[in-house]
Amino acid sequence: MARYVTGNLPAEVTSFVGRGSEVAAARKLLAGTRLLTLTGPGGVGKTRLARRVGEAVRRAFPDGVWLVEVAHVNDGALVALTVAQALGL
């Protein structure tokens, strides 16, 4: 029996309205990659979108879907380390 890891997606506590086209576009991109980065100015809903997409595709990723926050990383050289730490590597 396959073991399914849920990852680290936080639970949504409010409703998610609209942005169906963005969710569909991200799902399509994830069909061809294992890593997707959402970028944009603060406050536009990147984290909420990432959580929604993660929930939508989590069954396709037996090792889980992981959300890694990198907004606090001020040195680009530390992004890979931040991701590795979040994944427990």
C-alpha atoms as a PDB file:
ATOM      1  CA  MET A   1       0.000   0.000   0.000  1.00  0.00           C
ATOM      2  CA  ALA A   2       1.368   3.424  -0.940  1.00  0.00           C
ATOM      3  CA  ARG A   3       1.967   5.861   1.886  1.00  0.00           C
ATOM      4  CA  TYR A   4       0.569   9.316   1.207  1.00  0.00           C
ATOM      5  CA  VAL A   5       2.171  12.240   2.975  1.00  0.00           C
ATOM      6  CA  THR A   6      -0.051  15.260   3.181  1.00  0.00           C
ATOM      7  CA  GLY A   7       2.785  17.777   3.127  1.00  0.00           C
ATOM      8  CA  ASN A   8       2.554  20.957   5.112  1.00  0.00           C
ATOM      9  CA  LEU A   9      -0.404  22.813   3.626  1.00  0.00           C
ATOM     10  CA  PRO A  10      -2.113  24.894   6.310  1.00  0.00           C
ATOM     11  CA  ALA A  11      -5.870  24.557   6.561  1.00  0.00           C
ATOM     12  CA  GLU A  12      -7.945  27.297   4.990  1.00  0.00           C
ATOM     13  CA  VAL A  13     -10.151  29.059   7.497  1.00  0.00           C
ATOM     14  CA  THR A  14     -12.028  31.322   5.080  1.00  0.00           C
ATOM     15  CA  SER A  15     -13.732  30.736   1.751  1.00  0.00           C
ATOM     16  CA  PHE A  16     -11.884  30.973  -1.547  1.00  0.00           C
ATOM     17  CA  VAL A  17     -13.827  32.818  -4.226  1.00  0.00           C
ATOM     18  CA  GLY A  18     -12.909  33.131  -7.876  1.00  0.00           C
ATOM     19  CA  ARG A  19      -9.469  32.800  -9.448  1.00  0.00           C
ATOM     20  CA  GLY A  20     -10.502  29.581 -11.147  1.00  0.00           C
ATOM     21  CA  SER A  21      -8.460  30.469 -14.219  1.00  0.00           C
ATOM     22  CA  GLU A  22      -5.313  30.922 -12.120  1.00  0.00           C
ATOM     23  CA  VAL A  23      -5.883  27.594 -10.366  1.00  0.00           C
ATOM     24  CA  ALA A  24      -6.391  25.886 -13.741  1.00  0.00           C
ATOM     25  CA  ALA A  25      -3.241  27.489 -15.178  1.00  0.00           C
ATOM     26  CA  ALA A  26      -1.147  26.412 -12.192  1.00  0.00           C
ATOM     27  CA  ARG A  27      -2.531  22.871 -12.357  1.00  0.00           C
ATOM     28  CA  LYS A  28      -1.610  22.716 -16.037  1.00  0.00           C
ATOM     29  CA  LEU A  29       1.927  23.915 -15.275  1.00  0.00           C
ATOM     30  CA  LEU A  30       2.297  21.318 -12.521  1.00  0.00           C
ATOM     31  CA  ALA A  31       1.520  18.571 -15.004  1.00  0.00           C
ATOM     32  CA  GLY A  32       5.002  19.147 -16.433  1.00  0.00           C
ATOM     33  CA  THR A  33       7.038  20.061 -13.352  1.00  0.00           C
ATOM     34  CA  ARG A  34       7.415  19.251  -9.670  1.00  0.00           C
ATOM     35  CA  LEU A  35       8.176  22.796  -8.547  1.00  0.00           C
ATOM     36  CA  LEU A  36       6.065  25.864  -9.150  1.00  0.00           C
ATOM     37  CA  THR A  37       6.901  29.347  -7.900  1.00  0.00           C
ATOM     38  CA  LEU A  38       4.225  32.019  -7.636  1.00  0.00           C
ATOM     39  CA  THR A  39       5.538  35.579  -7.730  1.00  0.00           C
ATOM     40  CA  GLY A  40       3.957  38.995  -7.487  1.00  0.00           C
ATOM     41  CA  PRO A  41       3.544  41.976  -5.206  1.00  0.00           C
ATOM     42  CA  GLY A  42       2.560  41.488  -1.591  1.00  0.00           C
ATOM     43  CA  GLY A  43      -1.101  41.170  -0.806  1.00  0.00           C
ATOM     44  CA  VAL A  44      -2.370  39.794  -4.124  1.00  0.00           C
ATOM     45  CA  GLY A  45      -3.134  36.331  -2.735  1.00  0.00           C
ATOM     46  CA  LYS A  46      -0.175  34.203  -3.816  1.00  0.00           C
ATOM     47  CA  THR A  47      -0.211  32.124  -0.637  1.00  0.00           C
ATOM     48  CA  ARG A  48      -3.958  31.498  -0.803  1.00  0.00           C
ATOM     49  CA  LEU A  49      -3.646  30.538  -4.459  1.00  0.00           C
ATOM     50  CA  ALA A  50      -0.739  28.202  -3.675  1.00  0.00           C
ATOM     51  CA  ARG A  51      -2.741  26.493  -0.930  1.00  0.00           C
ATOM     52  CA  ARG A  52      -5.743  26.037  -3.216  1.00  0.00           C
ATOM     53  CA  VAL A  53      -3.627  24.626  -6.044  1.00  0.00           C
ATOM     54  CA  GLY A  54      -1.793  22.346  -3.614  1.00  0.00           C
ATOM     55  CA  GLU A  55      -5.061  20.948  -2.351  1.00  0.00           C
ATOM     56  CA  ALA A  56      -6.273  20.417  -5.915  1.00  0.00           C
ATOM     57  CA  VAL A  57      -3.199  18.430  -6.988  1.00  0.00           C
ATOM     58  CA  ARG A  58      -2.097  16.709  -3.791  1.00  0.00           C
ATOM     59  CA  ARG A  59      -3.311  13.253  -4.870  1.00  0.00           C
ATOM     60  CA  ALA A  60      -0.930  13.373  -7.843  1.00  0.00           C
ATOM     61  CA  PHE A  61       2.062  13.756  -5.512  1.00  0.00           C
ATOM     62  CA  PRO A  62       2.447  10.714  -3.227  1.00  0.00           C
ATOM     63  CA  ASP A  63       5.279  12.417  -1.300  1.00  0.00           C
ATOM     64  CA  GLY A  64       3.027  15.332  -0.441  1.00  0.00           C
ATOM     65  CA  VAL A  65       2.581  18.948  -1.412  1.00  0.00           C
ATOM     66  CA  TRP A  66       4.739  21.457   0.429  1.00  0.00           C
ATOM     67  CA  LEU A  67       4.377  25.200   0.787  1.00  0.00           C
ATOM     68  CA  VAL A  68       7.684  26.961   1.423  1.00  0.00           C
ATOM     69  CA  GLU A  69       7.526  30.617   2.384  1.00  0.00           C
ATOM     70  CA  VAL A  70      10.597  32.507   1.171  1.00  0.00           C
ATOM     71  CA  ALA A  71       9.455  36.101   1.675  1.00  0.00           C
ATOM     72  CA  HIS A  72      11.654  36.380   4.763  1.00  0.00           C
ATOM     73  CA  VAL A  73      14.793  35.233   2.906  1.00  0.00           C
ATOM     74  CA  ASN A  74      16.895  38.312   2.145  1.00  0.00           C
ATOM     75  CA  ASP A  75      19.797  36.507   0.469  1.00  0.00           C
ATOM     76  CA  GLY A  76      19.092  34.643  -2.773  1.00  0.00           C
ATOM     77  CA  ALA A  77      21.860  32.201  -1.933  1.00  0.00           C
ATOM     78  CA  LEU A  78      19.777  30.992   1.027  1.00  0.00           C
ATOM     79  CA  VAL A  79      16.634  30.090  -0.932  1.00  0.00           C
ATOM     80  CA  ALA A  80      17.773  26.520  -1.640  1.00  0.00           C
ATOM     81  CA  LEU A  81      18.712  26.028   2.023  1.00  0.00           C
ATOM     82  CA  THR A  82      15.325  27.378   3.121  1.00  0.00           C
ATOM     83  CA  VAL A  83      13.527  24.956   0.794  1.00  0.00           C
ATOM     84  CA  ALA A  84      15.692  22.036   1.942  1.00  0.00           C
ATOM     85  CA  GLN A  85      15.003  22.822   5.599  1.00  0.00           C
ATOM     86  CA  ALA A  86      11.253  23.072   4.988  1.00  0.00           C
ATOM     87  CA  LEU A  87      11.330  19.650   3.325  1.00  0.00           C
ATOM     88  CA  GLY A  88      13.378  18.146   6.162  1.00  0.00           C
ATOM     89  CA  LEU A  89      16.398  17.418   3.974  1.00  0.00           C
END
